[in-house]
Structure formats: C-alpha cells, structure tokens
Amino acid sequence: MRLFLFGYGFSGRALARRMAAGGWEVAATFRDAEAAARITADGHAGVDLSDRDAVTEALSRTQALLVTAPPGPQGCPGLNALVGPLAEAGAFPDWTGYLSTTGVYGDRRGGWVTEDSRLAAQSVEAARRVGAERDWFEVGRGMGLTVCAFRLPGIYGRGRSAFDRLREGRAQRIVAEGQVFSRIHVDDLAAGLEASIARPRAGAAYNLCDDEPAANSDVIAHAARLLGIEPPPEIRLEDANLSPAAMRFYAESKRVSNARAKAELGWRPAYPTYREGLAAILAEENLLSPHTKWEGRG
C-alpha cells in the first residue's frame, strides 16, 4: 500500500511516520534539493514535481493521496498539479484527503460549529480554502475519486508548541474577552487521517480538533508552569503589536465540534486537551534529551 503526499510539512510528515509504521510505502513531492533530502532521510521516496512522468508513475501505484499545501490566488496547487497526472495514469486512489481549516467558518463569537454550519470565511486565505474544498469535491465527483476534506484548527506538537515560543521569548499571553480557539496535536491529526483512510466516504468533511477550546493565555500559562518558569504577563490584544496575519486569527472566536469524526471514524484524540498534549511533548523531549535542562530567561 502506498501513500502519496503533496507537501511534506509538519502534518504530512506526521502521517507518513504513522502509515510507514503500519507497513505502508510513502512517496512525497519536493521542489528543491533540501526538501528531497529531508524526505529521503526519513526513509521515503521523493517525487520531483517538475518531472511529470515521475509524478504520473507514482500516482499509478497510490492507494491514499493527501494534499497539505495551502491554496494561492490560482487555487489549490495540489489540484492543479495532480489532476492531469491522475487522469493520465488512470489512477483511482481509494482515498484522497485535502487539509483545510476551521477558518472556513469565520467568527462565531465563541459559539459552536459543526461540519454542517454555514461557511462564512472572513479572510482571503480562508475563502481560498472554501474554494479549494469545493474544487476538490467537484473533481472527485467528476473523476470518481473518494475525496474527504479535513477542517483543522491550530496544530501543535514537538518542535511547534507553546514551549518553543516560551524558550525563544516569543510567547505572549494575549487576553481578549471571550476569545477561545480549538487546537489539535499533530499526532491526533495523523490518527484521524488514518481512521478516514480505513473508512473512506466520498464528499465527507471532518473537523479534527481536541475536546476543549481554550484561550491563548491559559495555554501559555500552563506551558510555563510545566517548564517551571513564570509565565509572561498578560497583555491586551490591542497592545500586542501583532502582524496582520495574527490579527486576522484573533478576529475570530469559535468552538469546533469533533463529534462527526468520533461517530463516523471511531477516532478519539489521545490528547483531548492542551494539558495532555503539552505533557506528552515535554515527556518526549525529556526522553530524547534526559540530561538537558532548559533554564528560563532572567
């Protein structure tokens, strides 16, 4: 069985690890030598996106296809690059997954959303995700592909968590009245994708997230306590000097339901809240570097 990844980033790499451990072969696309070396170092096959014959050949032997790259002004780069080779190869993967975002729901003022909620993207980036989902579902119907979309909140894991921001001095405890976000540990995301691969349903959309939406300030404070340091002081959103992209993030507040993924896929997050997720990351870091203790600044 072969998994084909269009995009070998944080999420794709986590799924590759999980599927390879189950005996799957993994092929992933690359555009430059650095990306190719990373794929090869992980024990997977690299596929040069500039080599259409190589892409077509790899797809001809693919059972599961995941597209992780974000859309741009011209739409989803994965769809633009792969539809032709899929047709040429006569390839019909059993499962095609597209990673979207919970940003497609827009701002709900802290209210709950499900996959049946109205899509109300408020940013250009989220609107492009809505369009990419639509395009993939249309292509799936036209080509007879089983396409599933996964709407994801903030993704964290080892190397990309509140611990890293605290250690680098970038963490801010931003306080915004009523502001909450959902999130997911990258390993739980990979487990949800694996569960969908085992139970494909054409046209399905799933929210993959943990069970407890929480405020940014709570997560940063808890991470600081686990590190044994004082958390940074709370700061008001209007005083945080955030980038335009970060401000767009804080312009939305919603609680995301994962009930459908649990019911249809039999999936349960191993880290149902940020507390379990952060504890697991710290335990893994300590296991990998048992004699290293990080000293907080000041």
C-alpha atoms as a PDB file:
ATOM      1  CA  MET A   1       0.000   0.000   0.000  1.00  0.00           C
ATOM      2  CA  ARG A   2       1.298   3.443  -0.897  1.00  0.00           C
ATOM      3  CA  LEU A   3       0.596   6.910   0.500  1.00  0.00           C
ATOM      4  CA  PHE A   4       1.331   9.865  -1.791  1.00  0.00           C
ATOM      5  CA  LEU A   5       1.845  13.247  -0.118  1.00  0.00           C
ATOM      6  CA  PHE A   6       1.593  16.532  -1.952  1.00  0.00           C
ATOM      7  CA  GLY A   7       3.521  18.614   0.561  1.00  0.00           C
ATOM      8  CA  TYR A   8       5.859  17.192   3.188  1.00  0.00           C
ATOM      9  CA  GLY A   9       5.394  19.618   6.045  1.00  0.00           C
ATOM     10  CA  PHE A  10       4.516  19.216   9.709  1.00  0.00           C
ATOM     11  CA  SER A  11       1.194  17.419   9.148  1.00  0.00           C
ATOM     12  CA  GLY A  12       2.222  15.329   6.142  1.00  0.00           C
ATOM     13  CA  ARG A  13       5.352  14.144   7.882  1.00  0.00           C
ATOM     14  CA  ALA A  14       3.343  13.024  10.915  1.00  0.00           C
ATOM     15  CA  LEU A  15       1.001  10.964   8.734  1.00  0.00           C
ATOM     16  CA  ALA A  16       3.984   9.497   6.869  1.00  0.00           C
ATOM     17  CA  ARG A  17       5.506   8.299  10.158  1.00  0.00           C
ATOM     18  CA  ARG A  18       2.251   6.737  11.234  1.00  0.00           C
ATOM     19  CA  MET A  19       1.491   4.972   7.958  1.00  0.00           C
ATOM     20  CA  ALA A  20       5.082   3.766   7.477  1.00  0.00           C
ATOM     21  CA  ALA A  21       4.946   2.205  10.932  1.00  0.00           C
ATOM     22  CA  GLY A  22       1.912   0.257   9.685  1.00  0.00           C
ATOM     23  CA  GLY A  23       3.798  -1.095   6.690  1.00  0.00           C
ATOM     24  CA  TRP A  24       2.829   1.477   4.051  1.00  0.00           C
ATOM     25  CA  GLU A  25       5.233   2.859   1.477  1.00  0.00           C
ATOM     26  CA  VAL A  26       5.320   6.654   1.372  1.00  0.00           C
ATOM     27  CA  ALA A  27       6.094   8.948  -1.562  1.00  0.00           C
ATOM     28  CA  ALA A  28       6.202  12.724  -1.148  1.00  0.00           C
ATOM     29  CA  THR A  29       6.645  15.573  -3.585  1.00  0.00           C
ATOM     30  CA  PHE A  30       9.520  18.061  -3.494  1.00  0.00           C
ATOM     31  CA  ARG A  31      10.537  21.201  -5.341  1.00  0.00           C
ATOM     32  CA  ASP A  32      14.130  21.645  -4.168  1.00  0.00           C
ATOM     33  CA  ALA A  33      17.124  19.625  -3.018  1.00  0.00           C
ATOM     34  CA  GLU A  34      16.636  20.435   0.657  1.00  0.00           C
ATOM     35  CA  ALA A  35      13.098  19.041   0.669  1.00  0.00           C
ATOM     36  CA  ALA A  36      14.225  15.983  -1.293  1.00  0.00           C
ATOM     37  CA  ALA A  37      16.971  15.294   1.251  1.00  0.00           C
ATOM     38  CA  ARG A  38      14.509  15.541   4.154  1.00  0.00           C
ATOM     39  CA  ILE A  39      12.150  13.026   2.540  1.00  0.00           C
ATOM     40  CA  THR A  40      14.976  10.603   1.780  1.00  0.00           C
ATOM     41  CA  ALA A  41      16.421  10.942   5.294  1.00  0.00           C
ATOM     42  CA  ASP A  42      13.053   9.864   6.690  1.00  0.00           C
ATOM     43  CA  GLY A  43      13.157   6.731   4.548  1.00  0.00           C
ATOM     44  CA  HIS A  44      10.561   7.731   1.977  1.00  0.00           C
ATOM     45  CA  ALA A  45      10.577   8.149  -1.806  1.00  0.00           C
ATOM     46  CA  GLY A  46      10.866  11.672  -3.162  1.00  0.00           C
ATOM     47  CA  VAL A  47       8.921  12.701  -6.264  1.00  0.00           C
ATOM     48  CA  ASP A  48      10.158  15.707  -8.230  1.00  0.00           C
ATOM     49  CA  LEU A  49       7.169  17.915  -9.050  1.00  0.00           C
ATOM     50  CA  SER A  50       8.921  19.178 -12.168  1.00  0.00           C
ATOM     51  CA  ASP A  51       9.068  15.612 -13.555  1.00  0.00           C
ATOM     52  CA  ARG A  52       5.519  14.925 -14.771  1.00  0.00           C
ATOM     53  CA  ASP A  53       6.355  11.340 -15.757  1.00  0.00           C
ATOM     54  CA  ALA A  54       7.650  10.616 -12.241  1.00  0.00           C
ATOM     55  CA  VAL A  55       4.501  12.118 -10.691  1.00  0.00           C
ATOM     56  CA  THR A  56       2.264  10.101 -13.015  1.00  0.00           C
ATOM     57  CA  GLU A  57       4.133   6.871 -12.291  1.00  0.00           C
ATOM     58  CA  ALA A  58       3.986   7.395  -8.535  1.00  0.00           C
ATOM     59  CA  LEU A  59       0.252   8.134  -8.635  1.00  0.00           C
ATOM     60  CA  SER A  60      -0.393   4.987 -10.658  1.00  0.00           C
ATOM     61  CA  ARG A  61       0.618   2.946  -7.605  1.00  0.00           C
ATOM     62  CA  THR A  62      -1.112   5.068  -4.956  1.00  0.00           C
ATOM     63  CA  GLN A  63      -3.931   3.962  -2.665  1.00  0.00           C
ATOM     64  CA  ALA A  64      -4.110   7.096  -0.491  1.00  0.00           C
ATOM     65  CA  LEU A  65      -3.396  10.675  -1.589  1.00  0.00           C
ATOM     66  CA  LEU A  66      -3.091  13.614   0.808  1.00  0.00           C
ATOM     67  CA  VAL A  67      -2.820  17.262  -0.239  1.00  0.00           C
ATOM     68  CA  THR A  68      -1.454  19.521   2.505  1.00  0.00           C
ATOM     69  CA  ALA A  69      -0.326  22.624   0.602  1.00  0.00           C
ATOM     70  CA  PRO A  70      -2.400  25.798   1.084  1.00  0.00           C
ATOM     71  CA  PRO A  71      -4.185  27.372  -1.881  1.00  0.00           C
ATOM     72  CA  GLY A  72      -2.978  30.530  -3.556  1.00  0.00           C
ATOM     73  CA  PRO A  73      -4.518  33.027  -5.985  1.00  0.00           C
ATOM     74  CA  GLN A  74      -4.640  30.317  -8.659  1.00  0.00           C
ATOM     75  CA  GLY A  75      -6.402  27.803  -6.405  1.00  0.00           C
ATOM     76  CA  CYS A  76      -5.074  24.612  -4.858  1.00  0.00           C
ATOM     77  CA  PRO A  77      -1.570  23.828  -6.174  1.00  0.00           C
ATOM     78  CA  GLY A  78      -2.111  20.140  -5.465  1.00  0.00           C
ATOM     79  CA  LEU A  79      -5.220  20.002  -7.588  1.00  0.00           C
ATOM     80  CA  ASN A  80      -3.567  21.983 -10.386  1.00  0.00           C
ATOM     81  CA  ALA A  81      -0.514  19.709 -10.401  1.00  0.00           C
ATOM     82  CA  LEU A  82      -2.149  16.317  -9.887  1.00  0.00           C
ATOM     83  CA  VAL A  83      -5.405  16.165 -11.853  1.00  0.00           C
ATOM     84  CA  GLY A  84      -3.629  15.733 -15.187  1.00  0.00           C
ATOM     85  CA  PRO A  85      -1.243  13.009 -13.988  1.00  0.00           C
ATOM     86  CA  LEU A  86      -4.105  11.224 -12.201  1.00  0.00           C
ATOM     87  CA  ALA A  87      -6.060  11.097 -15.456  1.00  0.00           C
ATOM     88  CA  GLU A  88      -3.023  10.043 -17.485  1.00  0.00           C
ATOM     89  CA  ALA A  89      -2.195   7.268 -15.040  1.00  0.00           C
ATOM     90  CA  GLY A  90      -5.795   6.101 -14.864  1.00  0.00           C
ATOM     91  CA  ALA A  91      -5.262   6.326 -11.122  1.00  0.00           C
ATOM     92  CA  PHE A  92      -8.151   5.996  -8.681  1.00  0.00           C
ATOM     93  CA  PRO A  93      -6.803   6.167  -5.128  1.00  0.00           C
ATOM     94  CA  ASP A  94      -9.128   4.621  -2.563  1.00  0.00           C
ATOM     95  CA  TRP A  95      -8.904   7.865  -0.571  1.00  0.00           C
ATOM     96  CA  THR A  96      -7.990  11.447  -1.372  1.00  0.00           C
ATOM     97  CA  GLY A  97      -7.645  13.840   1.559  1.00  0.00           C
ATOM     98  CA  TYR A  98      -7.477  17.621   1.484  1.00  0.00           C
ATOM     99  CA  LEU A  99      -6.322  19.604   4.534  1.00  0.00           C
ATOM    100  CA  SER A 100      -8.495  22.679   5.003  1.00  0.00           C
ATOM    101  CA  THR A 101      -9.001  24.957   8.008  1.00  0.00           C
ATOM    102  CA  THR A 102     -11.676  25.796  10.559  1.00  0.00           C
ATOM    103  CA  GLY A 103     -11.226  29.356   9.293  1.00  0.00           C
ATOM    104  CA  VAL A 104     -13.865  28.483   6.690  1.00  0.00           C
ATOM    105  CA  TYR A 105     -16.482  29.008   9.427  1.00  0.00           C
ATOM    106  CA  GLY A 106     -15.429  32.589  10.161  1.00  0.00           C
ATOM    107  CA  ASP A 107     -16.177  34.247  13.504  1.00  0.00           C
ATOM    108  CA  ARG A 108     -18.926  32.705  15.658  1.00  0.00           C
ATOM    109  CA  ARG A 109     -18.343  34.833  18.768  1.00  0.00           C
ATOM    110  CA  GLY A 110     -17.362  31.782  20.777  1.00  0.00           C
ATOM    111  CA  GLY A 111     -20.247  29.639  19.532  1.00  0.00           C
ATOM    112  CA  TRP A 112     -20.006  26.025  18.423  1.00  0.00           C
ATOM    113  CA  VAL A 113     -19.651  24.950  14.802  1.00  0.00           C
ATOM    114  CA  THR A 114     -20.124  21.571  13.154  1.00  0.00           C
ATOM    115  CA  GLU A 115     -19.417  20.418   9.614  1.00  0.00           C
ATOM    116  CA  ASP A 116     -22.989  21.393   8.719  1.00  0.00           C
ATOM    117  CA  SER A 117     -22.507  25.001   9.850  1.00  0.00           C
ATOM    118  CA  ARG A 118     -22.637  27.694   7.197  1.00  0.00           C
ATOM    119  CA  LEU A 119     -19.253  28.510   5.690  1.00  0.00           C
ATOM    120  CA  ALA A 120     -18.552  32.192   6.290  1.00  0.00           C
ATOM    121  CA  ALA A 121     -14.853  32.806   5.643  1.00  0.00           C
ATOM    122  CA  GLN A 122     -13.740  36.282   6.693  1.00  0.00           C
ATOM    123  CA  SER A 123     -10.236  36.385   5.200  1.00  0.00           C
ATOM    124  CA  VAL A 124      -8.887  35.928   1.698  1.00  0.00           C
ATOM    125  CA  GLU A 125      -6.908  32.903   2.874  1.00  0.00           C
ATOM    126  CA  ALA A 126      -9.952  31.184   4.368  1.00  0.00           C
ATOM    127  CA  ALA A 127     -12.055  31.998   1.304  1.00  0.00           C
ATOM    128  CA  ARG A 128      -9.434  30.267  -0.819  1.00  0.00           C
ATOM    129  CA  ARG A 129      -9.790  27.195   1.396  1.00  0.00           C
ATOM    130  CA  VAL A 130     -13.541  27.205   0.804  1.00  0.00           C
ATOM    131  CA  GLY A 131     -12.870  27.346  -2.923  1.00  0.00           C
ATOM    132  CA  ALA A 132     -10.266  24.575  -2.752  1.00  0.00           C
ATOM    133  CA  GLU A 133     -12.664  22.295  -0.871  1.00  0.00           C
ATOM    134  CA  ARG A 134     -15.338  22.958  -3.477  1.00  0.00           C
ATOM    135  CA  ASP A 135     -12.935  22.322  -6.339  1.00  0.00           C
ATOM    136  CA  TRP A 136     -11.668  19.055  -4.881  1.00  0.00           C
ATOM    137  CA  PHE A 137     -15.193  17.774  -4.259  1.00  0.00           C
ATOM    138  CA  GLU A 138     -16.180  18.681  -7.832  1.00  0.00           C
ATOM    139  CA  VAL A 139     -13.115  16.941  -9.261  1.00  0.00           C
ATOM    140  CA  GLY A 140     -13.826  13.952  -7.053  1.00  0.00           C
ATOM    141  CA  ARG A 141     -17.351  13.631  -8.421  1.00  0.00           C
ATOM    142  CA  GLY A 142     -16.178  14.115 -11.975  1.00  0.00           C
ATOM    143  CA  MET A 143     -13.320  11.611 -11.798  1.00  0.00           C
ATOM    144  CA  GLY A 144     -14.891   9.115  -9.429  1.00  0.00           C
ATOM    145  CA  LEU A 145     -12.461   9.862  -6.583  1.00  0.00           C
ATOM    146  CA  THR A 146     -13.315   9.470  -2.915  1.00  0.00           C
ATOM    147  CA  VAL A 147     -12.419  12.944  -1.652  1.00  0.00           C
ATOM    148  CA  CYS A 148     -12.556  13.962   2.022  1.00  0.00           C
ATOM    149  CA  ALA A 149     -11.807  17.404   3.476  1.00  0.00           C
ATOM    150  CA  PHE A 150     -10.399  17.963   6.955  1.00  0.00           C
ATOM    151  CA  ARG A 151     -11.016  21.292   8.660  1.00  0.00           C
ATOM    152  CA  LEU A 152      -8.171  21.897  11.074  1.00  0.00           C
ATOM    153  CA  PRO A 153      -7.604  24.420  13.882  1.00  0.00           C
ATOM    154  CA  GLY A 154      -4.176  25.347  15.282  1.00  0.00           C
ATOM    155  CA  ILE A 155      -1.814  22.364  15.002  1.00  0.00           C
ATOM    156  CA  TYR A 156       0.894  21.818  17.599  1.00  0.00           C
ATOM    157  CA  GLY A 157       3.429  19.149  18.523  1.00  0.00           C
ATOM    158  CA  ARG A 158       7.088  18.678  19.399  1.00  0.00           C
ATOM    159  CA  GLY A 159       9.057  21.489  17.813  1.00  0.00           C
ATOM    160  CA  ARG A 160       5.944  23.606  17.298  1.00  0.00           C
ATOM    161  CA  SER A 161       4.290  24.340  20.626  1.00  0.00           C
ATOM    162  CA  ALA A 162       3.959  26.903  23.399  1.00  0.00           C
ATOM    163  CA  PHE A 163       7.210  25.542  24.843  1.00  0.00           C
ATOM    164  CA  ASP A 164       9.140  26.684  21.779  1.00  0.00           C
ATOM    165  CA  ARG A 165       7.618  30.168  21.869  1.00  0.00           C
ATOM    166  CA  LEU A 166       8.450  30.488  25.576  1.00  0.00           C
ATOM    167  CA  ARG A 167      12.036  29.340  25.069  1.00  0.00           C
ATOM    168  CA  GLU A 168      12.518  31.743  22.176  1.00  0.00           C
ATOM    169  CA  GLY A 169      10.985  34.641  24.061  1.00  0.00           C
ATOM    170  CA  ARG A 170       8.133  34.956  21.562  1.00  0.00           C
ATOM    171  CA  ALA A 171       5.252  33.845  23.794  1.00  0.00           C
ATOM    172  CA  GLN A 172       2.591  36.403  24.637  1.00  0.00           C
ATOM    173  CA  ARG A 173      -0.335  35.863  26.990  1.00  0.00           C
ATOM    174  CA  ILE A 174      -2.844  37.760  24.944  1.00  0.00           C
ATOM    175  CA  VAL A 175      -6.122  38.467  26.684  1.00  0.00           C
ATOM    176  CA  ALA A 176      -9.165  39.062  24.534  1.00  0.00           C
ATOM    177  CA  GLU A 177     -12.566  38.982  26.200  1.00  0.00           C
ATOM    178  CA  GLY A 178     -14.382  35.728  25.379  1.00  0.00           C
ATOM    179  CA  GLN A 179     -11.716  34.631  22.886  1.00  0.00           C
ATOM    180  CA  VAL A 180     -11.235  30.860  22.568  1.00  0.00           C
ATOM    181  CA  PHE A 181      -9.608  28.634  19.969  1.00  0.00           C
ATOM    182  CA  SER A 182      -9.646  24.943  19.190  1.00  0.00           C
ATOM    183  CA  ARG A 183      -6.387  23.108  18.524  1.00  0.00           C
ATOM    184  CA  ILE A 184      -5.075  19.622  17.766  1.00  0.00           C
ATOM    185  CA  HIS A 185      -1.895  17.702  18.488  1.00  0.00           C
ATOM    186  CA  VAL A 186      -0.263  16.696  15.209  1.00  0.00           C
ATOM    187  CA  ASP A 187      -0.271  13.017  16.208  1.00  0.00           C
ATOM    188  CA  ASP A 188      -4.035  13.157  16.788  1.00  0.00           C
ATOM    189  CA  LEU A 189      -4.397  14.731  13.361  1.00  0.00           C
ATOM    190  CA  ALA A 190      -2.425  11.861  11.806  1.00  0.00           C
ATOM    191  CA  ALA A 191      -4.561   9.329  13.681  1.00  0.00           C
ATOM    192  CA  GLY A 192      -7.734  10.967  12.370  1.00  0.00           C
ATOM    193  CA  LEU A 193      -6.460  10.839   8.800  1.00  0.00           C
ATOM    194  CA  GLU A 194      -5.509   7.182   9.210  1.00  0.00           C
ATOM    195  CA  ALA A 195      -9.002   6.435  10.531  1.00  0.00           C
ATOM    196  CA  SER A 196     -10.537   8.108   7.470  1.00  0.00           C
ATOM    197  CA  ILE A 197      -8.256   6.158   5.128  1.00  0.00           C
ATOM    198  CA  ALA A 198      -9.641   2.999   6.715  1.00  0.00           C
ATOM    199  CA  ARG A 199     -13.245   4.272   6.345  1.00  0.00           C
ATOM    200  CA  PRO A 200     -13.380   6.472   3.237  1.00  0.00           C
ATOM    201  CA  ARG A 201     -16.590   8.336   2.441  1.00  0.00           C
ATOM    202  CA  ALA A 202     -16.814  10.421  -0.709  1.00  0.00           C
ATOM    203  CA  GLY A 203     -17.690  14.055  -0.091  1.00  0.00           C
ATOM    204  CA  ALA A 204     -17.124  13.880   3.666  1.00  0.00           C
ATOM    205  CA  ALA A 205     -15.857  16.846   5.670  1.00  0.00           C
ATOM    206  CA  TYR A 206     -14.472  16.371   9.164  1.00  0.00           C
ATOM    207  CA  ASN A 207     -13.413  18.713  11.933  1.00  0.00           C
ATOM    208  CA  LEU A 208     -10.318  17.239  13.581  1.00  0.00           C
ATOM    209  CA  CYS A 209      -9.704  19.029  16.869  1.00  0.00           C
ATOM    210  CA  ASP A 210      -9.412  18.370  20.576  1.00  0.00           C
ATOM    211  CA  ASP A 211     -12.262  18.409  23.068  1.00  0.00           C
ATOM    212  CA  GLU A 212     -11.608  21.693  24.873  1.00  0.00           C
ATOM    213  CA  PRO A 213     -11.403  25.051  23.115  1.00  0.00           C
ATOM    214  CA  ALA A 214      -9.312  27.366  25.273  1.00  0.00           C
ATOM    215  CA  ALA A 215      -7.882  30.865  25.472  1.00  0.00           C
ATOM    216  CA  ASN A 216      -4.321  31.584  24.361  1.00  0.00           C
ATOM    217  CA  SER A 217      -3.403  32.951  27.797  1.00  0.00           C
ATOM    218  CA  ASP A 218      -4.430  29.709  29.522  1.00  0.00           C
ATOM    219  CA  VAL A 219      -2.258  27.576  27.233  1.00  0.00           C
ATOM    220  CA  ILE A 220       0.822  29.777  27.609  1.00  0.00           C
ATOM    221  CA  ALA A 221       0.432  29.934  31.391  1.00  0.00           C
ATOM    222  CA  HIS A 222       0.108  26.155  31.660  1.00  0.00           C
ATOM    223  CA  ALA A 223       3.147  25.576  29.437  1.00  0.00           C
ATOM    224  CA  ALA A 224       5.195  27.954  31.594  1.00  0.00           C
ATOM    225  CA  ARG A 225       4.189  26.085  34.744  1.00  0.00           C
ATOM    226  CA  LEU A 226       5.290  22.795  33.182  1.00  0.00           C
ATOM    227  CA  LEU A 227       8.675  24.359  32.430  1.00  0.00           C
ATOM    228  CA  GLY A 228       8.912  25.688  35.977  1.00  0.00           C
ATOM    229  CA  ILE A 229       9.104  29.337  34.957  1.00  0.00           C
ATOM    230  CA  GLU A 230       6.988  32.415  35.458  1.00  0.00           C
ATOM    231  CA  PRO A 231       4.528  32.924  32.628  1.00  0.00           C
ATOM    232  CA  PRO A 232       4.817  36.153  30.665  1.00  0.00           C
ATOM    233  CA  PRO A 233       2.500  38.924  31.824  1.00  0.00           C
ATOM    234  CA  GLU A 234      -0.938  39.206  30.329  1.00  0.00           C
ATOM    235  CA  ILE A 235      -1.257  41.713  27.524  1.00  0.00           C
ATOM    236  CA  ARG A 236      -4.331  43.169  25.882  1.00  0.00           C
ATOM    237  CA  LEU A 237      -4.919  42.284  22.252  1.00  0.00           C
ATOM    238  CA  GLU A 238      -4.748  45.928  21.171  1.00  0.00           C
ATOM    239  CA  ASP A 239      -1.314  46.259  22.819  1.00  0.00           C
ATOM    240  CA  ALA A 240       0.203  43.052  21.435  1.00  0.00           C
ATOM    241  CA  ASN A 241       1.608  44.596  18.216  1.00  0.00           C
ATOM    242  CA  LEU A 242       0.597  41.552  16.188  1.00  0.00           C
ATOM    243  CA  SER A 243       1.176  41.035  12.485  1.00  0.00           C
ATOM    244  CA  PRO A 244      -1.807  41.430  10.142  1.00  0.00           C
ATOM    245  CA  ALA A 245      -1.985  37.623   9.807  1.00  0.00           C
ATOM    246  CA  ALA A 246      -2.075  37.158  13.587  1.00  0.00           C
ATOM    247  CA  MET A 247      -4.685  39.889  13.951  1.00  0.00           C
ATOM    248  CA  ARG A 248      -6.883  38.060  11.444  1.00  0.00           C
ATOM    249  CA  PHE A 249      -6.527  34.962  13.619  1.00  0.00           C
ATOM    250  CA  TYR A 250      -7.637  36.856  16.717  1.00  0.00           C
ATOM    251  CA  ALA A 251     -10.562  38.410  14.843  1.00  0.00           C
ATOM    252  CA  GLU A 252     -12.336  35.055  15.083  1.00  0.00           C
ATOM    253  CA  SER A 253     -13.569  33.052  18.062  1.00  0.00           C
ATOM    254  CA  LYS A 254     -15.314  29.713  17.809  1.00  0.00           C
ATOM    255  CA  ARG A 255     -15.668  26.331  19.456  1.00  0.00           C
ATOM    256  CA  VAL A 256     -15.271  23.470  16.988  1.00  0.00           C
ATOM    257  CA  SER A 257     -17.124  20.168  17.413  1.00  0.00           C
ATOM    258  CA  ASN A 258     -15.345  16.902  16.610  1.00  0.00           C
ATOM    259  CA  ALA A 259     -18.459  14.765  17.123  1.00  0.00           C
ATOM    260  CA  ARG A 260     -18.733  13.639  13.493  1.00  0.00           C
ATOM    261  CA  ALA A 261     -15.166  12.317  13.337  1.00  0.00           C
ATOM    262  CA  LYS A 262     -15.724  10.426  16.567  1.00  0.00           C
ATOM    263  CA  ALA A 263     -19.025   8.940  15.402  1.00  0.00           C
ATOM    264  CA  GLU A 264     -18.082   8.056  11.805  1.00  0.00           C
ATOM    265  CA  LEU A 265     -14.404   7.214  12.107  1.00  0.00           C
ATOM    266  CA  GLY A 266     -14.231   5.768  15.605  1.00  0.00           C
ATOM    267  CA  TRP A 267     -11.485   8.341  16.280  1.00  0.00           C
ATOM    268  CA  ARG A 268     -10.690   9.739  19.704  1.00  0.00           C
ATOM    269  CA  PRO A 269      -7.937  12.261  20.377  1.00  0.00           C
ATOM    270  CA  ALA A 270      -5.182  10.783  22.524  1.00  0.00           C
ATOM    271  CA  TYR A 271      -4.686  14.339  23.809  1.00  0.00           C
ATOM    272  CA  PRO A 272      -8.227  15.603  24.454  1.00  0.00           C
ATOM    273  CA  THR A 273      -6.981  18.960  25.798  1.00  0.00           C
ATOM    274  CA  TYR A 274      -3.850  21.066  25.547  1.00  0.00           C
ATOM    275  CA  ARG A 275      -2.843  19.852  29.014  1.00  0.00           C
ATOM    276  CA  GLU A 276      -2.360  16.224  27.924  1.00  0.00           C
ATOM    277  CA  GLY A 277      -0.775  17.334  24.665  1.00  0.00           C
ATOM    278  CA  LEU A 278       1.796  19.604  26.305  1.00  0.00           C
ATOM    279  CA  ALA A 279       2.621  16.984  28.943  1.00  0.00           C
ATOM    280  CA  ALA A 280       3.306  14.431  26.213  1.00  0.00           C
ATOM    281  CA  ILE A 281       5.567  16.823  24.314  1.00  0.00           C
ATOM    282  CA  LEU A 282       7.596  17.590  27.432  1.00  0.00           C
ATOM    283  CA  ALA A 283       7.894  13.892  28.273  1.00  0.00           C
ATOM    284  CA  GLU A 284       9.131  13.175  24.747  1.00  0.00           C
ATOM    285  CA  GLU A 285      11.656  15.995  24.936  1.00  0.00           C
ATOM    286  CA  ASN A 286      12.959  14.718  28.261  1.00  0.00           C
ATOM    287  CA  LEU A 287      13.203  11.187  26.877  1.00  0.00           C
ATOM    288  CA  LEU A 288      15.209  12.384  23.885  1.00  0.00           C
ATOM    289  CA  SER A 289      17.443  14.651  26.000  1.00  0.00           C
ATOM    290  CA  PRO A 290      17.235  13.275  29.551  1.00  0.00           C
ATOM    291  CA  HIS A 291      20.298  15.168  30.789  1.00  0.00           C
ATOM    292  CA  THR A 292      19.378  18.532  29.359  1.00  0.00           C
ATOM    293  CA  LYS A 293      17.542  21.048  31.480  1.00  0.00           C
ATOM    294  CA  TRP A 294      16.346  24.276  29.960  1.00  0.00           C
ATOM    295  CA  GLU A 295      16.892  27.339  32.115  1.00  0.00           C
ATOM    296  CA  GLY A 296      14.377  30.131  31.735  1.00  0.00           C
ATOM    297  CA  ARG A 297      15.445  33.658  30.922  1.00  0.00           C
ATOM    298  CA  GLY A 298      16.026  36.164  33.668  1.00  0.00           C
END
